[in-house]
C-alpha atoms as a PDB file:
ATOM      1  CA  MET A   1     -14.504   4.255   6.854  1.00  0.00           C
ATOM      2  CA  GLU A   2     -14.795   1.745   4.140  1.00  0.00           C
ATOM      3  CA  SER A   3     -15.995  -1.599   4.922  1.00  0.00           C
ATOM      4  CA  VAL A   4     -13.987  -4.788   4.041  1.00  0.00           C
ATOM      5  CA  ASP A   5     -16.007  -5.786   1.013  1.00  0.00           C
ATOM      6  CA  GLN A   6     -15.794  -2.362  -0.511  1.00  0.00           C
ATOM      7  CA  SER A   7     -12.162  -2.203   0.143  1.00  0.00           C
ATOM      8  CA  CYS A   8     -11.589  -5.663  -1.157  1.00  0.00           C
ATOM      9  CA  SER A   9     -10.541  -5.970  -4.949  1.00  0.00           C
ATOM     10  CA  VAL A  10      -9.125  -9.426  -4.763  1.00  0.00           C
ATOM     11  CA  PRO A  11     -11.105 -12.680  -5.163  1.00  0.00           C
ATOM     12  CA  PRO A  12     -11.869 -14.822  -2.161  1.00  0.00           C
ATOM     13  CA  GLY A  13      -9.204 -17.273  -1.249  1.00  0.00           C
ATOM     14  CA  PHE A  14      -6.423 -14.699  -2.684  1.00  0.00           C
ATOM     15  CA  ARG A  15      -3.325 -14.792  -0.628  1.00  0.00           C
ATOM     16  CA  PHE A  16      -0.349 -12.080  -0.972  1.00  0.00           C
ATOM     17  CA  HIS A  17       2.854 -13.136   0.042  1.00  0.00           C
ATOM     18  CA  PRO A  18       5.407 -11.464  -2.180  1.00  0.00           C
ATOM     19  CA  THR A  19       9.177 -11.889  -1.801  1.00  0.00           C
ATOM     20  CA  ASP A  20      11.309  -8.987  -1.363  1.00  0.00           C
ATOM     21  CA  GLU A  21      12.689  -9.156  -4.842  1.00  0.00           C
ATOM     22  CA  GLU A  22       8.879  -9.266  -5.972  1.00  0.00           C
ATOM     23  CA  LEU A  23       8.002  -6.182  -3.939  1.00  0.00           C
ATOM     24  CA  VAL A  24      10.958  -3.874  -5.437  1.00  0.00           C
ATOM     25  CA  GLY A  25      11.349  -5.565  -8.862  1.00  0.00           C
ATOM     26  CA  TYR A  26       7.752  -5.753 -10.069  1.00  0.00           C
ATOM     27  CA  TYR A  27       5.384  -3.663  -7.584  1.00  0.00           C
ATOM     28  CA  LEU A  28       7.838  -0.773  -6.840  1.00  0.00           C
ATOM     29  CA  ARG A  29       9.521  -0.542 -10.331  1.00  0.00           C
ATOM     30  CA  LYS A  30       5.824  -0.214 -11.892  1.00  0.00           C
ATOM     31  CA  LYS A  31       4.805   2.195  -9.565  1.00  0.00           C
ATOM     32  CA  VAL A  32       7.756   4.542 -10.111  1.00  0.00           C
ATOM     33  CA  ALA A  33       7.483   4.054 -13.908  1.00  0.00           C
ATOM     34  CA  SER A  34       3.811   4.932 -13.342  1.00  0.00           C
ATOM     35  CA  GLN A  35       2.526   1.552 -14.890  1.00  0.00           C
ATOM     36  CA  LYS A  36      -0.651  -0.140 -14.217  1.00  0.00           C
ATOM     37  CA  ILE A  37      -0.377  -3.108 -11.570  1.00  0.00           C
ATOM     38  CA  ASP A  38      -2.547  -5.799 -12.397  1.00  0.00           C
ATOM     39  CA  LEU A  39      -4.466  -6.254  -9.299  1.00  0.00           C
ATOM     40  CA  ASP A  40      -4.920  -3.435  -6.845  1.00  0.00           C
ATOM     41  CA  VAL A  41      -3.178  -5.236  -3.809  1.00  0.00           C
ATOM     42  CA  ILE A  42      -0.955  -2.440  -2.678  1.00  0.00           C
ATOM     43  CA  ARG A  43      -2.458   0.907  -1.889  1.00  0.00           C
ATOM     44  CA  ASP A  44      -1.457   4.291  -1.774  1.00  0.00           C
ATOM     45  CA  ILE A  45      -1.656   5.754   1.906  1.00  0.00           C
ATOM     46  CA  ASP A  46      -0.609   9.292   3.060  1.00  0.00           C
ATOM     47  CA  LEU A  47       0.876   8.433   6.348  1.00  0.00           C
ATOM     48  CA  TYR A  48       0.689  11.918   7.210  1.00  0.00           C
ATOM     49  CA  ARG A  49      -3.094  12.292   7.194  1.00  0.00           C
ATOM     50  CA  ILE A  50      -4.106   8.991   8.460  1.00  0.00           C
ATOM     51  CA  GLU A  51      -4.286   8.106  12.064  1.00  0.00           C
ATOM     52  CA  PRO A  52      -2.346   4.695  12.865  1.00  0.00           C
ATOM     53  CA  TRP A  53      -5.203   3.312  14.079  1.00  0.00           C
ATOM     54  CA  ASP A  54      -7.015   3.361  10.660  1.00  0.00           C
ATOM     55  CA  LEU A  55      -3.994   2.065   8.838  1.00  0.00           C
ATOM     56  CA  GLN A  56      -4.970  -1.740   9.252  1.00  0.00           C
ATOM     57  CA  GLU A  57      -8.217  -0.923   7.508  1.00  0.00           C
ATOM     58  CA  LYS A  58      -6.855   0.807   4.690  1.00  0.00           C
ATOM     59  CA  CYS A  59      -4.300  -1.671   4.095  1.00  0.00           C
ATOM     60  CA  ARG A  60      -6.437  -4.726   4.250  1.00  0.00           C
ATOM     61  CA  ILE A  61      -6.173  -7.403   1.451  1.00  0.00           C
ATOM     62  CA  GLY A  62      -8.749  -9.941   0.884  1.00  0.00           C
ATOM     63  CA  TYR A  63     -10.911 -11.322   3.934  1.00  0.00           C
ATOM     64  CA  GLU A  64      -8.245 -12.346   6.501  1.00  0.00           C
ATOM     65  CA  GLU A  65      -6.501 -10.700   9.480  1.00  0.00           C
ATOM     66  CA  ARG A  66      -2.960 -10.079   8.555  1.00  0.00           C
ATOM     67  CA  ASN A  67       0.485  -9.059  10.407  1.00  0.00           C
ATOM     68  CA  GLU A  68       2.018  -7.795   7.330  1.00  0.00           C
ATOM     69  CA  TRP A  69       0.583  -4.602   5.462  1.00  0.00           C
ATOM     70  CA  TYR A  70       1.597  -3.240   2.055  1.00  0.00           C
ATOM     71  CA  PHE A  71       1.298   0.358   0.980  1.00  0.00           C
ATOM     72  CA  PHE A  72       2.865   3.237  -0.897  1.00  0.00           C
ATOM     73  CA  SER A  73       3.636   6.359   0.639  1.00  0.00           C
ATOM     74  CA  HIS A  74       5.092   9.600  -0.338  1.00  0.00           C
ATOM     75  CA  LYS A  75       7.913  11.135   1.697  1.00  0.00           C
ATOM     76  CA  ASP A  76       6.877  14.715   2.811  1.00  0.00           C
ATOM     77  CA  LYS A  77       9.907  16.750   2.625  1.00  0.00           C
ATOM     78  CA  LYS A  78      10.456  20.025   4.453  1.00  0.00           C
ATOM     79  CA  TYR A  79      12.018  21.884   1.847  1.00  0.00           C
ATOM     80  CA  PRO A  80      11.713  20.985  -1.826  1.00  0.00           C
ATOM     81  CA  THR A  81      15.204  20.417  -2.568  1.00  0.00           C
ATOM     82  CA  GLY A  82      16.214  19.114   0.884  1.00  0.00           C
ATOM     83  CA  THR A  83      16.473  15.481   2.166  1.00  0.00           C
ATOM     84  CA  ARG A  84      14.989  16.633   5.651  1.00  0.00           C
ATOM     85  CA  THR A  85      11.445  15.202   6.098  1.00  0.00           C
ATOM     86  CA  ASN A  86       8.732  17.174   7.728  1.00  0.00           C
END
């Protein structure tokens, strides 16, 4: 498991409080377009391979405890052309 110092890529005192518009209009749009995001504040997490109790450590931003976690995850489809999830 990563320590907080290794998983942290933001300067001390950094606060991440994006609006819904910023999350969709900036972060998600860049992710979908495969463009680089300036700071690594939203991680790629495979929700199908991680235990729920490990999620907080993987999604930690900075040095403080948070009630909100931000991450990207792919939907695992049961069938390649279907909409049903696995």
